[in-house]
Amino acid sequence: MSQVFSDETHRNLLSRIPHCTGREITDWLRTVDEGPSLFRFEEKVSWLRSEHDLAYGHAKAIIHEYDLRRAARKLL
């Protein structure tokens, strides 16, 4: 089972991703959206890590944010 980040840790990771990767969060979210149709959270994290050479924490934060935004869209 994967470690769950607090909301504060998640926000901190997201804020550092552009500096560490050179790409904005919206760009990463689009990359995930256009990527392979993987179902499990850890599969998506592993894909980001292997395909884009991201650190585990950054990949996890991106996928978590992607899932949060996708769920919010469904509620509207």
N, C-alpha and C. Protein backbone atom coordinates (compact mmCIF):
# COMPACT_ATOMS: atom_id res chain seq x y z
N MET A 1 0.84 -1.18 0.00
CA MET A 1 0.00 0.00 0.00
C MET A 1 0.89 1.25 0.00
N SER A 2 0.50 2.21 -0.76
CA SER A 2 1.32 3.40 -0.88
C SER A 2 1.08 4.37 0.27
N GLN A 3 2.10 5.14 0.55
CA GLN A 3 2.02 6.16 1.59
C GLN A 3 1.11 7.29 1.12
N VAL A 4 0.27 7.78 2.02
CA VAL A 4 -0.62 8.89 1.69
C VAL A 4 0.00 10.18 2.19
N PHE A 5 0.12 11.15 1.28
CA PHE A 5 0.66 12.45 1.65
C PHE A 5 -0.43 13.30 2.27
N SER A 6 -0.05 14.17 3.20
CA SER A 6 -1.00 15.13 3.74
C SER A 6 -1.31 16.16 2.67
N ASP A 7 -2.40 16.92 2.87
CA ASP A 7 -2.74 17.98 1.91
C ASP A 7 -1.61 18.99 1.78
N GLU A 8 -0.99 19.32 2.90
CA GLU A 8 0.11 20.29 2.88
C GLU A 8 1.31 19.76 2.09
N THR A 9 1.66 18.50 2.31
CA THR A 9 2.77 17.90 1.58
C THR A 9 2.45 17.85 0.09
N HIS A 10 1.21 17.50 -0.24
CA HIS A 10 0.79 17.45 -1.64
C HIS A 10 0.95 18.83 -2.29
N ARG A 11 0.47 19.87 -1.63
CA ARG A 11 0.60 21.24 -2.16
C ARG A 11 2.07 21.63 -2.32
N ASN A 12 2.90 21.28 -1.35
CA ASN A 12 4.33 21.61 -1.43
C ASN A 12 5.00 20.89 -2.60
N LEU A 13 4.67 19.62 -2.78
CA LEU A 13 5.24 18.88 -3.91
C LEU A 13 4.81 19.51 -5.23
N LEU A 14 3.52 19.84 -5.34
CA LEU A 14 3.03 20.45 -6.58
C LEU A 14 3.73 21.77 -6.87
N SER A 15 3.97 22.55 -5.84
CA SER A 15 4.60 23.86 -6.05
C SER A 15 6.05 23.72 -6.52
N ARG A 16 6.71 22.62 -6.16
CA ARG A 16 8.11 22.42 -6.55
C ARG A 16 8.28 21.74 -7.91
N ILE A 17 7.24 21.10 -8.41
CA ILE A 17 7.36 20.35 -9.66
C ILE A 17 7.82 21.21 -10.83
N PRO A 18 7.25 22.40 -11.06
CA PRO A 18 7.73 23.20 -12.20
C PRO A 18 9.22 23.52 -12.12
N HIS A 19 9.70 23.83 -10.94
CA HIS A 19 11.13 24.14 -10.77
C HIS A 19 11.98 22.90 -11.01
N CYS A 20 11.55 21.76 -10.50
CA CYS A 20 12.35 20.53 -10.60
C CYS A 20 12.30 19.89 -11.98
N THR A 21 11.18 20.06 -12.68
CA THR A 21 11.01 19.36 -13.97
C THR A 21 11.08 20.29 -15.18
N GLY A 22 10.90 21.59 -14.95
CA GLY A 22 10.88 22.52 -16.07
C GLY A 22 9.55 22.55 -16.80
N ARG A 23 8.55 21.88 -16.25
CA ARG A 23 7.22 21.83 -16.87
C ARG A 23 6.17 22.18 -15.83
N GLU A 24 5.14 22.90 -16.26
CA GLU A 24 4.04 23.29 -15.38
C GLU A 24 3.14 22.10 -15.08
N ILE A 25 2.40 22.20 -13.98
CA ILE A 25 1.49 21.13 -13.57
C ILE A 25 0.47 20.85 -14.67
N THR A 26 -0.08 21.90 -15.28
CA THR A 26 -1.08 21.69 -16.33
C THR A 26 -0.50 20.87 -17.49
N ASP A 27 0.77 21.08 -17.79
CA ASP A 27 1.42 20.30 -18.84
C ASP A 27 1.52 18.83 -18.44
N TRP A 28 1.88 18.58 -17.18
CA TRP A 28 1.96 17.20 -16.69
C TRP A 28 0.58 16.54 -16.69
N LEU A 29 -0.45 17.28 -16.31
CA LEU A 29 -1.80 16.72 -16.28
C LEU A 29 -2.25 16.36 -17.70
N ARG A 30 -1.90 17.19 -18.66
CA ARG A 30 -2.22 16.90 -20.06
C ARG A 30 -1.45 15.65 -20.52
N THR A 31 -0.21 15.51 -20.09
CA THR A 31 0.59 14.34 -20.43
C THR A 31 -0.07 13.07 -19.91
N VAL A 32 -0.54 13.11 -18.68
CA VAL A 32 -1.23 11.95 -18.10
C VAL A 32 -2.51 11.66 -18.88
N ASP A 33 -3.26 12.70 -19.19
CA ASP A 33 -4.52 12.54 -19.92
C ASP A 33 -4.29 11.92 -21.30
N GLU A 34 -3.21 12.29 -21.94
CA GLU A 34 -2.90 11.79 -23.28
C GLU A 34 -2.09 10.48 -23.26
N GLY A 35 -1.71 10.04 -22.08
CA GLY A 35 -0.90 8.83 -21.94
C GLY A 35 -1.73 7.57 -22.06
N PRO A 36 -1.12 6.45 -21.75
CA PRO A 36 -1.83 5.18 -21.86
C PRO A 36 -2.99 5.08 -20.87
N SER A 37 -3.98 4.29 -21.22
CA SER A 37 -5.16 4.11 -20.36
C SER A 37 -4.86 3.09 -19.27
N LEU A 38 -4.24 3.57 -18.23
CA LEU A 38 -3.93 2.72 -17.08
C LEU A 38 -5.00 2.95 -16.01
N PHE A 39 -5.35 1.91 -15.29
CA PHE A 39 -6.43 2.01 -14.32
C PHE A 39 -5.95 2.25 -12.89
N ARG A 40 -4.93 1.55 -12.49
CA ARG A 40 -4.48 1.63 -11.10
C ARG A 40 -3.56 2.83 -10.88
N PHE A 41 -3.68 3.44 -9.70
CA PHE A 41 -2.89 4.60 -9.32
C PHE A 41 -1.40 4.32 -9.47
N GLU A 42 -0.95 3.21 -8.90
CA GLU A 42 0.49 2.89 -8.92
C GLU A 42 0.98 2.61 -10.34
N GLU A 43 0.12 2.09 -11.22
CA GLU A 43 0.52 1.90 -12.61
C GLU A 43 0.79 3.24 -13.28
N LYS A 44 -0.05 4.21 -13.00
CA LYS A 44 0.13 5.54 -13.58
C LYS A 44 1.41 6.18 -13.04
N VAL A 45 1.66 6.04 -11.75
CA VAL A 45 2.87 6.58 -11.13
C VAL A 45 4.11 5.92 -11.76
N SER A 46 4.08 4.61 -11.89
CA SER A 46 5.21 3.89 -12.49
C SER A 46 5.44 4.31 -13.93
N TRP A 47 4.35 4.52 -14.69
CA TRP A 47 4.49 4.97 -16.07
C TRP A 47 5.17 6.33 -16.12
N LEU A 48 4.71 7.28 -15.30
CA LEU A 48 5.33 8.61 -15.28
C LEU A 48 6.81 8.53 -14.92
N ARG A 49 7.12 7.72 -13.93
CA ARG A 49 8.51 7.59 -13.49
C ARG A 49 9.40 7.01 -14.59
N SER A 50 8.93 5.95 -15.23
CA SER A 50 9.77 5.31 -16.24
C SER A 50 9.81 6.09 -17.55
N GLU A 51 8.69 6.64 -17.96
CA GLU A 51 8.61 7.35 -19.24
C GLU A 51 9.23 8.74 -19.18
N HIS A 52 9.13 9.41 -18.02
CA HIS A 52 9.57 10.80 -17.92
C HIS A 52 10.63 11.03 -16.85
N ASP A 53 11.14 9.95 -16.27
CA ASP A 53 12.24 10.01 -15.30
C ASP A 53 11.95 10.95 -14.13
N LEU A 54 10.73 10.82 -13.58
CA LEU A 54 10.34 11.64 -12.43
C LEU A 54 10.64 10.93 -11.12
N ALA A 55 10.86 11.70 -10.09
CA ALA A 55 10.99 11.14 -8.74
C ALA A 55 9.63 10.59 -8.32
N TYR A 56 9.65 9.61 -7.44
CA TYR A 56 8.41 8.96 -6.99
C TYR A 56 7.43 9.97 -6.42
N GLY A 57 7.88 10.86 -5.55
CA GLY A 57 7.00 11.83 -4.91
C GLY A 57 6.35 12.77 -5.91
N HIS A 58 7.11 13.21 -6.90
CA HIS A 58 6.55 14.10 -7.92
C HIS A 58 5.52 13.36 -8.78
N ALA A 59 5.86 12.16 -9.20
CA ALA A 59 4.92 11.38 -10.01
C ALA A 59 3.63 11.10 -9.24
N LYS A 60 3.77 10.76 -7.99
CA LYS A 60 2.60 10.48 -7.16
C LYS A 60 1.74 11.73 -6.99
N ALA A 61 2.37 12.87 -6.77
CA ALA A 61 1.62 14.12 -6.61
C ALA A 61 0.89 14.49 -7.89
N ILE A 62 1.51 14.27 -9.03
CA ILE A 62 0.87 14.58 -10.31
C ILE A 62 -0.35 13.69 -10.52
N ILE A 63 -0.22 12.41 -10.27
CA ILE A 63 -1.34 11.49 -10.47
C ILE A 63 -2.45 11.79 -9.46
N HIS A 64 -2.09 12.09 -8.24
CA HIS A 64 -3.10 12.43 -7.24
C HIS A 64 -3.87 13.69 -7.67
N GLU A 65 -3.15 14.69 -8.13
CA GLU A 65 -3.80 15.92 -8.59
C GLU A 65 -4.67 15.64 -9.82
N TYR A 66 -4.19 14.81 -10.71
CA TYR A 66 -4.98 14.43 -11.89
C TYR A 66 -6.30 13.78 -11.46
N ASP A 67 -6.22 12.84 -10.51
CA ASP A 67 -7.42 12.16 -10.02
C ASP A 67 -8.37 13.11 -9.30
N LEU A 68 -7.82 14.04 -8.52
CA LEU A 68 -8.66 15.03 -7.82
C LEU A 68 -9.41 15.91 -8.81
N ARG A 69 -8.71 16.38 -9.82
CA ARG A 69 -9.35 17.26 -10.82
C ARG A 69 -10.36 16.49 -11.67
N ARG A 70 -10.06 15.25 -11.99
CA ARG A 70 -11.00 14.44 -12.77
C ARG A 70 -12.28 14.19 -11.96
N ALA A 71 -12.14 13.91 -10.68
CA ALA A 71 -13.30 13.69 -9.82
C ALA A 71 -14.13 14.98 -9.69
N ALA A 72 -13.45 16.11 -9.61
CA ALA A 72 -14.17 17.40 -9.49
C ALA A 72 -14.96 17.68 -10.76
N ARG A 73 -14.41 17.33 -11.91
CA ARG A 73 -15.14 17.52 -13.19
C ARG A 73 -16.40 16.68 -13.22
N LYS A 74 -16.34 15.49 -12.68
CA LYS A 74 -17.51 14.59 -12.69
C LYS A 74 -18.63 15.11 -11.81
N LEU A 75 -18.26 15.89 -10.79
CA LEU A 75 -19.27 16.43 -9.88
C LEU A 75 -20.04 17.60 -10.48
N LEU A 76 -19.47 18.23 -11.49
CA LEU A 76 -20.12 19.41 -12.09
C LEU A 76 -21.19 19.04 -13.08
